[in-house]
Protein backbone atom coordinates (compact mmCIF):
# COMPACT_ATOMS: atom_id res chain seq x y z
CA UNK A 1 -57.27 -20.44 -15.78
CA UNK A 2 -59.48 -23.72 -16.24
CA UNK A 3 -62.76 -23.24 -18.21
CA UNK A 4 -65.86 -23.61 -15.92
CA UNK A 5 -68.02 -25.18 -18.69
CA UNK A 6 -65.56 -28.23 -19.83
CA UNK A 7 -62.34 -27.82 -17.60
CA UNK A 8 -60.40 -26.99 -20.89
CA UNK A 9 -57.65 -24.17 -21.12
CA UNK A 10 -58.40 -20.55 -21.59
CA UNK A 11 -57.06 -17.39 -23.11
CA UNK A 12 -57.38 -13.89 -22.10
CA UNK A 13 -59.16 -11.61 -24.58
CA UNK A 14 -59.28 -8.52 -22.56
CA UNK A 15 -57.91 -7.12 -19.31
CA UNK A 16 -59.07 -4.07 -17.29
CA UNK A 17 -57.55 -2.65 -14.12
CA UNK A 18 -59.15 -0.42 -11.90
CA UNK A 19 -57.85 0.68 -8.20
CA UNK A 20 -59.04 -2.31 -6.45
CA UNK A 21 -60.01 -5.15 -9.02
CA UNK A 22 -58.88 -6.66 -12.25
CA UNK A 23 -61.33 -7.79 -14.89
CA UNK A 24 -60.48 -10.34 -17.40
CA UNK A 25 -62.52 -11.46 -20.38
CA UNK A 26 -61.71 -15.16 -21.15
CA UNK A 27 -62.35 -17.55 -23.80
CA UNK A 28 -61.87 -21.35 -23.61
CA UNK A 29 -59.66 -22.74 -26.41
CA UNK A 30 -61.43 -26.28 -26.42
CA UNK A 31 -65.46 -25.25 -26.34
CA UNK A 32 -65.16 -21.49 -27.28
CA UNK A 33 -67.32 -20.26 -24.55
CA UNK A 34 -66.43 -16.79 -23.10
CA UNK A 35 -66.63 -15.66 -19.31
CA UNK A 36 -65.33 -13.02 -17.08
CA UNK A 37 -63.25 -13.35 -14.08
CA UNK A 38 -62.48 -10.87 -11.37
CA UNK A 39 -59.34 -10.44 -9.27
CA UNK A 40 -59.22 -8.62 -5.90
CA UNK A 41 -56.09 -8.12 -3.80
CA UNK A 42 -56.63 -10.50 -0.76
CA UNK A 43 -56.10 -8.41 2.49
CA UNK A 44 -55.08 -9.70 5.86
CA UNK A 45 -56.31 -6.81 7.64
CA UNK A 46 -57.87 -7.37 11.20
CA UNK A 47 -60.76 -5.15 12.61
CA UNK A 48 -60.44 -4.09 16.26
CA UNK A 49 -64.02 -4.09 17.75
CA UNK A 50 -65.36 -1.97 20.46
CA UNK A 51 -64.89 -4.71 23.00
CA UNK A 52 -61.28 -5.22 21.65
CA UNK A 53 -62.19 -8.48 19.90
CA UNK A 54 -60.36 -8.80 16.47
CA UNK A 55 -62.04 -10.16 13.43
CA UNK A 56 -60.88 -10.27 9.79
CA UNK A 57 -61.96 -7.45 7.58
CA UNK A 58 -65.07 -8.24 5.54
CA UNK A 59 -65.61 -6.30 2.47
CA UNK A 60 -68.92 -7.79 2.03
CA UNK A 61 -70.03 -6.81 5.40
CA UNK A 62 -69.01 -3.20 4.54
CA UNK A 63 -70.89 -3.57 1.48
CA UNK A 64 -74.18 -4.87 2.83
CA UNK A 65 -74.10 -2.08 5.67
CA UNK A 66 -74.04 0.76 2.89
CA UNK A 67 -76.60 -1.00 1.02
CA UNK A 68 -78.95 -1.40 3.93
CA UNK A 69 -78.49 2.40 4.83
CA UNK A 70 -79.28 3.22 1.28
CA UNK A 71 -82.20 1.08 0.79
CA UNK A 72 -85.10 2.65 -1.15
CA UNK A 73 -83.17 5.72 -1.58
CA UNK A 74 -81.97 7.18 -4.96
CA UNK A 75 -78.35 5.88 -4.63
CA UNK A 76 -77.12 3.66 -7.29
CA UNK A 77 -75.24 0.51 -6.82
CA UNK A 78 -72.38 2.04 -8.73
CA UNK A 79 -72.02 4.76 -6.20
CA UNK A 80 -72.03 2.35 -3.29
CA UNK A 81 -69.60 0.22 -5.01
CA UNK A 82 -67.40 3.19 -5.51
CA UNK A 83 -67.71 3.95 -1.92
CA UNK A 84 -66.84 0.60 -0.59
CA UNK A 85 -63.62 0.72 -2.76
CA UNK A 86 -62.49 4.10 -1.49
CA UNK A 87 -63.16 3.07 1.97
CA UNK A 88 -61.23 -0.20 1.58
CA UNK A 89 -58.48 1.58 0.03
CA UNK A 90 -58.16 3.77 3.06
CA UNK A 91 -58.38 0.93 5.31
CA UNK A 92 -55.58 -0.78 3.65
CA UNK A 93 -53.27 2.20 3.82
CA UNK A 94 -54.05 2.43 7.65
CA UNK A 95 -52.18 -0.85 8.78
CA UNK A 96 -52.63 -4.26 9.56
CA UNK A 97 -54.91 -3.80 12.31
CA UNK A 98 -57.90 -1.14 11.94
CA UNK A 99 -60.27 0.19 14.78
CA UNK A 100 -63.86 -0.29 13.91
CA UNK A 101 -64.65 3.28 14.68
CA UNK A 102 -62.21 4.30 11.91
CA UNK A 103 -64.17 2.34 9.47
CA UNK A 104 -67.53 3.53 10.85
CA UNK A 105 -66.30 7.30 10.52
CA UNK A 106 -65.28 6.61 6.97
CA UNK A 107 -68.63 5.25 6.18
CA UNK A 108 -70.37 8.19 7.79
CA UNK A 109 -68.45 10.62 5.62
CA UNK A 110 -69.16 8.90 2.34
CA UNK A 111 -72.80 8.54 3.25
CA UNK A 112 -73.21 12.33 4.35
CA UNK A 113 -71.85 12.97 0.70
CA UNK A 114 -74.34 10.52 -1.04
CA UNK A 115 -77.65 10.82 0.77
CA UNK A 116 -78.58 12.62 3.92
CA UNK A 117 -81.29 9.95 4.87
CA UNK A 118 -79.07 6.98 4.40
CA UNK A 119 -76.40 8.94 6.76
CA UNK A 120 -79.18 9.44 9.51
CA UNK A 121 -80.10 5.84 8.98
CA UNK A 122 -76.49 4.53 9.62
CA UNK A 123 -75.74 6.97 12.24
CA UNK A 124 -78.87 6.09 14.30
CA UNK A 125 -77.35 2.43 14.57
CA UNK A 126 -73.65 3.27 14.52
CA UNK A 127 -74.13 5.95 17.38
CA UNK A 128 -76.51 3.87 19.06
CA UNK A 129 -79.55 6.74 19.29
CA UNK A 130 -81.55 5.99 22.33
CA UNK A 131 -84.21 8.56 21.63
CA UNK A 132 -85.60 11.26 19.20
CA UNK A 133 -83.10 13.84 20.71
CA UNK A 134 -80.40 11.98 19.05
CA UNK A 135 -81.84 12.30 15.72
CA UNK A 136 -82.70 16.05 16.22
CA UNK A 137 -79.16 16.79 17.16
CA UNK A 138 -77.92 14.80 14.24
CA UNK A 139 -80.37 16.45 11.65
CA UNK A 140 -79.48 19.78 13.11
CA UNK A 141 -75.61 19.21 12.75
CA UNK A 142 -76.53 18.53 8.85
CA UNK A 143 -78.50 21.64 8.51
């Protein structure tokens, strides 16, 4: 790895592995500055949309969807990141092409455990609620 500060060579001081990411603490041999790098497995998964279009899986899109649902709710960023990692792991295990419906149901399952209001928010968009009756029905299912 090349130092982002002086372009010198670096060495790894510490390495930590989790289920989906490798964190490396590095130090430049030339300028002695330290920095952290993160490695994530690149996936070539394609998502099959409702209209049968296919697009590459986007982890950031998944993260932003969960963050939007949990906005102004007492859900920590760490909890959201953990849910994204778990969902991504299940998606990887599904195969090279994953229906968007499968991803949506995984998100709903995690949100239901995390925060009921965030679950309702996400469900209203994902299931395309048309009127207050759809909200009432979903809230009744939660009770």
